[in-house]
Protein backbone atom coordinates (compact mmCIF):
# COMPACT_ATOMS: atom_id res chain seq x y z
CA UNK A 1 123.65 -83.65 56.41
CA UNK A 2 124.76 -84.81 52.95
CA UNK A 3 123.32 -88.30 53.53
CA UNK A 4 119.93 -86.76 54.45
CA UNK A 5 119.82 -84.76 51.15
CA UNK A 6 120.60 -87.94 49.18
CA UNK A 7 117.73 -89.79 50.89
CA UNK A 8 115.27 -86.98 50.08
CA UNK A 9 116.47 -86.88 46.45
CA UNK A 10 116.10 -90.72 46.26
CA UNK A 11 112.58 -90.64 47.56
CA UNK A 12 111.56 -87.93 45.10
CA UNK A 13 113.16 -89.76 42.18
CA UNK A 14 111.43 -93.01 43.23
CA UNK A 15 107.99 -91.43 43.18
CA UNK A 16 108.43 -89.77 39.85
CA UNK A 17 110.03 -92.66 37.94
CA UNK A 18 108.48 -95.81 39.42
CA UNK A 19 104.97 -94.72 40.39
CA UNK A 20 103.42 -95.87 37.11
CA UNK A 21 105.14 -99.28 37.28
CA UNK A 22 104.03 -99.85 40.83
CA UNK A 23 100.43 -98.96 40.05
CA UNK A 24 100.42 -101.25 37.04
CA UNK A 25 101.72 -104.19 39.04
CA UNK A 26 99.13 -103.49 41.73
CA UNK A 27 96.29 -103.59 39.22
CA UNK A 28 97.54 -106.84 37.67
CA UNK A 29 97.86 -108.43 41.12
CA UNK A 30 94.31 -107.45 41.95
CA UNK A 31 93.02 -109.00 38.72
CA UNK A 32 94.91 -112.24 39.31
CA UNK A 33 93.70 -112.44 42.91
CA UNK A 34 90.12 -111.91 41.83
CA UNK A 35 90.31 -114.67 39.18
CA UNK A 36 91.98 -117.05 41.61
CA UNK A 37 89.37 -116.56 44.33
CA UNK A 38 86.44 -116.98 41.89
CA UNK A 39 84.87 -113.57 42.69
CA UNK A 40 82.37 -112.49 40.03
CA UNK A 41 82.96 -109.32 37.99
CA UNK A 42 79.44 -108.02 38.66
CA UNK A 43 80.51 -105.56 41.36
CA UNK A 44 83.07 -104.12 39.01
CA UNK A 45 80.44 -103.77 36.31
CA UNK A 46 78.09 -102.14 38.76
CA UNK A 47 80.81 -99.74 39.83
CA UNK A 48 81.63 -99.01 36.20
CA UNK A 49 77.95 -98.43 35.47
CA UNK A 50 77.63 -96.02 38.35
CA UNK A 51 80.57 -94.00 37.06
CA UNK A 52 80.49 -94.36 33.26
CA UNK A 53 76.74 -94.11 32.55
CA UNK A 54 76.22 -90.75 34.29
CA UNK A 55 79.38 -89.53 32.60
CA UNK A 56 78.05 -90.57 29.19
CA UNK A 57 74.69 -88.94 29.94
CA UNK A 58 76.47 -85.75 30.89
CA UNK A 59 78.46 -85.90 27.67
CA UNK A 60 75.20 -86.34 25.70
CA UNK A 61 73.57 -83.42 27.46
CA UNK A 62 76.60 -81.27 26.83
CA UNK A 63 76.57 -82.30 23.16
CA UNK A 64 72.86 -81.46 22.86
CA UNK A 65 73.47 -78.12 24.56
CA UNK A 66 76.34 -77.35 22.18
CA UNK A 67 74.14 -78.24 19.20
CA UNK A 68 71.37 -75.98 20.55
CA UNK A 69 73.81 -73.14 21.17
CA UNK A 70 75.23 -73.55 17.68
CA UNK A 71 71.76 -73.57 16.15
CA UNK A 72 70.71 -70.52 18.16
CA UNK A 73 73.86 -68.73 17.13
CA UNK A 74 73.16 -69.49 13.49
CA UNK A 75 69.56 -68.31 13.89
CA UNK A 76 70.85 -65.12 15.49
CA UNK A 77 73.26 -64.55 12.61
CA UNK A 78 70.40 -65.11 10.16
CA UNK A 79 68.22 -62.62 12.05
CA UNK A 80 71.04 -60.06 12.08
CA UNK A 81 71.53 -60.46 8.33
CA UNK A 82 67.76 -60.21 7.73
CA UNK A 83 67.60 -57.12 9.97
CA UNK A 84 70.37 -55.48 7.97
CA UNK A 85 68.48 -56.22 4.74
CA UNK A 86 65.31 -54.72 6.20
CA UNK A 87 67.21 -51.62 7.32
CA UNK A 88 68.60 -51.21 3.81
CA UNK A 89 65.09 -51.57 2.36
CA UNK A 90 63.74 -49.00 4.84
CA UNK A 91 66.52 -46.56 3.94
CA UNK A 92 65.73 -47.02 0.26
CA UNK A 93 62.00 -46.50 0.85
CA UNK A 94 62.65 -43.41 2.97
CA UNK A 95 64.87 -41.95 0.24
CA UNK A 96 62.23 -42.65 -2.38
CA UNK A 97 59.55 -41.15 -0.12
CA UNK A 98 61.61 -38.01 0.42
CA UNK A 99 62.08 -37.66 -3.32
CA UNK A 100 58.34 -38.08 -3.86
CA UNK A 101 57.60 -35.46 -1.19
CA UNK A 102 60.06 -33.06 -2.80
CA UNK A 103 58.50 -33.71 -6.20
CA UNK A 104 55.03 -33.13 -4.76
CA UNK A 105 56.18 -29.90 -3.11
CA UNK A 106 57.76 -28.76 -6.36
CA UNK A 107 54.58 -29.66 -8.27
CA UNK A 108 52.42 -27.72 -5.79
CA UNK A 109 54.77 -24.74 -6.07
CA UNK A 110 54.64 -24.80 -9.87
CA UNK A 111 50.83 -25.09 -9.78
CA UNK A 112 50.71 -22.10 -7.44
CA UNK A 113 52.94 -20.08 -9.76
CA UNK A 114 50.85 -21.10 -12.75
CA UNK A 115 47.62 -20.06 -11.02
CA UNK A 116 49.21 -16.75 -10.02
CA UNK A 117 50.36 -16.20 -13.58
CA UNK A 118 46.84 -16.83 -14.84
CA UNK A 119 45.33 -14.53 -12.22
CA UNK A 120 47.51 -11.63 -13.39
CA UNK A 121 47.60 -12.64 -17.01
CA UNK A 122 47.31 -9.03 -18.24
CA UNK A 123 50.64 -8.06 -16.67
CA UNK A 124 53.95 -9.04 -18.35
CA UNK A 125 56.14 -10.86 -15.85
CA UNK A 126 59.19 -13.06 -15.40
CA UNK A 127 59.80 -15.83 -12.91
CA UNK A 128 62.75 -15.46 -10.53
CA UNK A 129 64.30 -17.47 -7.72
CA UNK A 130 65.46 -16.02 -4.41
CA UNK A 131 69.21 -16.52 -4.00
CA UNK A 132 69.88 -14.66 -0.73
CA UNK A 133 68.15 -12.73 2.04
CA UNK A 134 68.82 -10.52 5.04
CA UNK A 135 69.43 -12.28 8.38
CA UNK A 136 66.32 -13.31 10.27
CA UNK A 137 63.32 -15.60 9.89
CA UNK A 138 61.40 -13.41 7.46
CA UNK A 139 61.96 -12.52 3.81
CA UNK A 140 61.72 -8.78 4.35
CA UNK A 141 64.66 -7.95 2.04
CA UNK A 142 66.07 -10.46 -0.43
CA UNK A 143 67.92 -10.88 -3.73
CA UNK A 144 66.64 -12.65 -6.84
CA UNK A 145 68.52 -14.19 -9.78
CA UNK A 146 67.08 -11.85 -12.42
CA UNK A 147 68.36 -8.41 -13.39
CA UNK A 148 68.49 -5.73 -16.06
CA UNK A 149 69.57 -8.25 -18.69
CA UNK A 150 66.23 -10.00 -18.09
CA UNK A 151 64.17 -6.82 -18.25
CA UNK A 152 63.92 -6.22 -14.48
CA UNK A 153 63.86 -2.57 -13.38
CA UNK A 154 63.64 -0.58 -10.16
CA UNK A 155 60.03 -0.25 -8.91
CA UNK A 156 58.91 -3.47 -10.61
CA UNK A 157 56.24 -5.10 -8.48
CA UNK A 158 56.93 -8.60 -7.12
CA UNK A 159 54.22 -11.20 -6.42
CA UNK A 160 54.13 -14.74 -5.08
CA UNK A 161 51.67 -17.16 -3.51
CA UNK A 162 48.40 -15.38 -4.15
CA UNK A 163 49.36 -11.78 -3.67
CA UNK A 164 51.78 -8.90 -3.38
CA UNK A 165 55.28 -9.54 -2.03
CA UNK A 166 57.08 -6.22 -2.51
CA UNK A 167 58.94 -3.99 -4.92
CA UNK A 168 62.35 -4.01 -6.65
CA UNK A 169 64.70 -1.47 -5.06
CA UNK A 170 67.98 -2.01 -6.94
CA UNK A 171 69.08 -3.90 -10.05
CA UNK A 172 72.27 -5.42 -11.45
CA UNK A 173 72.82 -7.20 -14.77
CA UNK A 174 71.78 -10.60 -13.37
CA UNK A 175 70.35 -9.81 -9.95
CA UNK A 176 67.91 -7.52 -8.19
CA UNK A 177 67.02 -6.72 -4.59
CA UNK A 178 63.44 -6.69 -3.34
CA UNK A 179 61.93 -4.96 -0.31
CA UNK A 180 58.91 -6.88 0.97
CA UNK A 181 55.76 -5.17 2.21
CA UNK A 182 56.44 -6.60 5.69
CA UNK A 183 59.62 -4.52 6.04
CA UNK A 184 59.42 -1.73 8.63
CA UNK A 185 60.15 0.92 5.97
CA UNK A 186 57.43 -0.27 3.59
CA UNK A 187 54.19 1.67 2.92
CA UNK A 188 51.62 0.59 0.33
CA UNK A 189 48.58 2.54 -0.82
CA UNK A 190 45.65 0.12 -0.77
CA UNK A 191 41.88 0.04 -1.09
CA UNK A 192 39.01 -2.19 -0.11
CA UNK A 193 37.44 -4.22 -2.89
CA UNK A 194 33.89 -3.93 -1.58
CA UNK A 195 33.77 -0.18 -0.97
CA UNK A 196 36.88 1.18 -2.77
CA UNK A 197 37.89 3.04 0.39
CA UNK A 198 41.59 3.86 0.56
CA UNK A 199 44.09 3.12 3.32
CA UNK A 200 47.83 2.68 3.89
CA UNK A 201 49.38 -0.69 4.68
CA UNK A 202 52.51 -0.44 6.81
CA UNK A 203 55.24 -3.02 7.31
CA UNK A 204 55.85 -4.24 10.84
CA UNK A 205 58.30 -7.04 11.53
CA UNK A 206 57.03 -7.43 15.08
CA UNK A 207 53.42 -7.79 13.95
CA UNK A 208 54.34 -10.23 11.18
CA UNK A 209 55.40 -12.69 13.89
CA UNK A 210 51.64 -13.09 14.38
CA UNK A 211 51.19 -13.48 10.62
CA UNK A 212 49.67 -10.00 10.25
CA UNK A 213 50.24 -6.59 8.69
CA UNK A 214 48.75 -3.28 9.84
CA UNK A 215 46.72 -0.67 7.99
CA UNK A 216 45.84 2.92 8.89
CA UNK A 217 44.02 5.96 7.45
CA UNK A 218 41.00 3.97 6.31
CA UNK A 219 38.14 6.34 5.45
CA UNK A 220 35.08 4.26 6.18
CA UNK A 221 32.44 6.83 7.13
CA UNK A 222 29.54 4.43 6.57
CA UNK A 223 31.08 1.57 8.55
CA UNK A 224 30.80 -0.89 5.68
CA UNK A 225 34.31 -2.35 5.97
CA UNK A 226 34.28 -5.48 8.14
CA UNK A 227 36.52 -8.40 9.01
CA UNK A 228 37.18 -10.50 5.90
CA UNK A 229 37.19 -7.54 3.49
CA UNK A 230 39.73 -7.91 0.67
CA UNK A 231 42.47 -5.29 0.29
CA UNK A 232 44.24 -4.66 -3.02
CA UNK A 233 46.75 -2.10 -4.29
CA UNK A 234 45.08 1.22 -4.88
CA UNK A 235 44.50 3.02 -8.16
CA UNK A 236 46.17 6.11 -6.63
CA UNK A 237 49.36 4.24 -5.70
CA UNK A 238 52.47 5.82 -7.22
CA UNK A 239 54.59 2.69 -7.54
CA UNK A 240 52.31 -0.31 -7.12
CA UNK A 241 50.16 -1.51 -9.99
CA UNK A 242 46.45 -1.36 -9.40
CA UNK A 243 44.45 -4.34 -8.15
CA UNK A 244 47.17 -6.68 -6.80
CA UNK A 245 45.75 -8.64 -3.88
CA UNK A 246 47.36 -7.84 -0.51
CA UNK A 247 45.27 -9.60 2.14
CA UNK A 248 42.10 -9.87 4.24
CA UNK A 249 41.07 -7.56 7.06
CA UNK A 250 41.42 -9.47 10.34
CA UNK A 251 40.78 -6.64 12.85
CA UNK A 252 39.43 -3.11 12.58
CA UNK A 253 39.00 -0.27 15.08
CA UNK A 254 38.43 3.49 15.21
CA UNK A 255 41.49 5.74 15.12
CA UNK A 256 42.04 8.19 17.98
CA UNK A 257 41.12 11.06 15.64
CA UNK A 258 37.64 9.54 15.18
CA UNK A 259 37.92 10.29 11.47
CA UNK A 260 39.65 7.21 10.14
CA UNK A 261 40.03 3.56 11.09
CA UNK A 262 42.97 1.24 11.56
CA UNK A 263 43.41 -2.49 11.89
CA UNK A 264 45.31 -5.57 10.84
CA UNK A 265 45.20 -7.83 7.82
CA UNK A 266 46.38 -11.32 6.96
CA UNK A 267 48.52 -11.79 3.83
CA UNK A 268 48.15 -14.88 1.60
CA UNK A 269 51.93 -14.86 1.08
CA UNK A 270 54.13 -17.04 3.28
CA UNK A 271 56.93 -14.57 4.01
CA UNK A 272 58.79 -17.17 6.05
CA UNK A 273 59.21 -19.71 3.23
CA UNK A 274 59.52 -17.75 -0.01
CA UNK A 275 61.44 -19.46 -2.79
CA UNK A 276 60.17 -18.34 -6.19
CA UNK A 277 58.48 -15.10 -7.21
CA UNK A 278 57.14 -13.31 -10.27
CA UNK A 279 58.50 -9.90 -11.24
CA UNK A 280 56.01 -7.77 -13.19
CA UNK A 281 58.21 -6.07 -15.78
CA UNK A 282 56.02 -3.04 -16.35
CA UNK A 283 55.97 -0.01 -14.07
CA UNK A 284 53.02 2.23 -13.35
CA UNK A 285 54.81 5.21 -14.91
CA UNK A 286 55.32 3.38 -18.23
CA UNK A 287 53.30 4.53 -21.22
CA UNK A 288 52.52 0.88 -21.96
CA UNK A 289 50.94 0.33 -18.53
CA UNK A 290 47.22 -0.48 -18.54
CA UNK A 291 45.46 -1.25 -15.24
CA UNK A 292 44.32 -4.83 -14.95
CA UNK A 293 41.88 -3.77 -12.24
CA UNK A 294 39.61 -0.75 -12.01
CA UNK A 295 38.05 0.77 -8.92
CA UNK A 296 36.44 4.07 -8.14
CA UNK A 297 38.84 6.73 -6.93
CA UNK A 298 37.42 8.66 -4.00
CA UNK A 299 40.05 11.36 -4.48
CA UNK A 300 41.57 10.83 -1.05
CA UNK A 301 45.29 11.50 -0.96
CA UNK A 302 47.52 9.06 0.89
CA UNK A 303 50.81 9.47 2.71
CA UNK A 304 54.13 9.00 0.96
CA UNK A 305 54.43 5.54 -0.48
CA UNK A 306 57.68 3.61 -0.28
């Protein structure tokens, strides 16, 4: 058994240590035999050509492929860098465009305020910005950044856009709350411009979702009031100054009493996006108040105005 293990170990050691020497001697013997027998080296060259040339061609193709891959990779990196630059330029342009849009919006808002100021030039007023509002989509009750220190008082009328917004209900030193005419508790004595007929405009938050207000108690015996008629604050209003534009008649129908008419009107004020307003700092009860608008009073008494 021991002698068998030694033979196996000998054979393994022989292969590992002497294989290279044996192969070398075999190659040398083959060369010498070839030279001695006068055999030409052409077959060897042909064999070498069949093996080496395709190998070299493969190496060339691989090298070309690697060059192409490297070039494509570089092109891809260049495109990525260029794309990042373009994205940065787009971001910059978008920022500049947003600023321009904001500036344009601000300019339009200031123009609108200026035009409103000119339209009611006879009334003293002060500009104010809305700083808070009640929950909901509409500006039915909100707070402005002007107060008693700025000359704002309770019952001051508030305007924006091209018409009446509401009335001041409470005042602090540097703030005031405003109830808009769209509020459910709001009532405004109004009259038609064309016929001077009186009516009452009532707030309705459900109706304002359609962009409308409602009016009632319109005395139009001759049927002259039609769709498109302008409504302004009435000369008999207790709290609202005379002649402030409220809106256009959009619908009109006969009341159930067959004596008066009711309907809806569209306000020029965007009560969903209010931002800045004017507060008229004179009240109707003031001795200094002078109507900026005159219309015939038909003597009709209205309901309680709030």
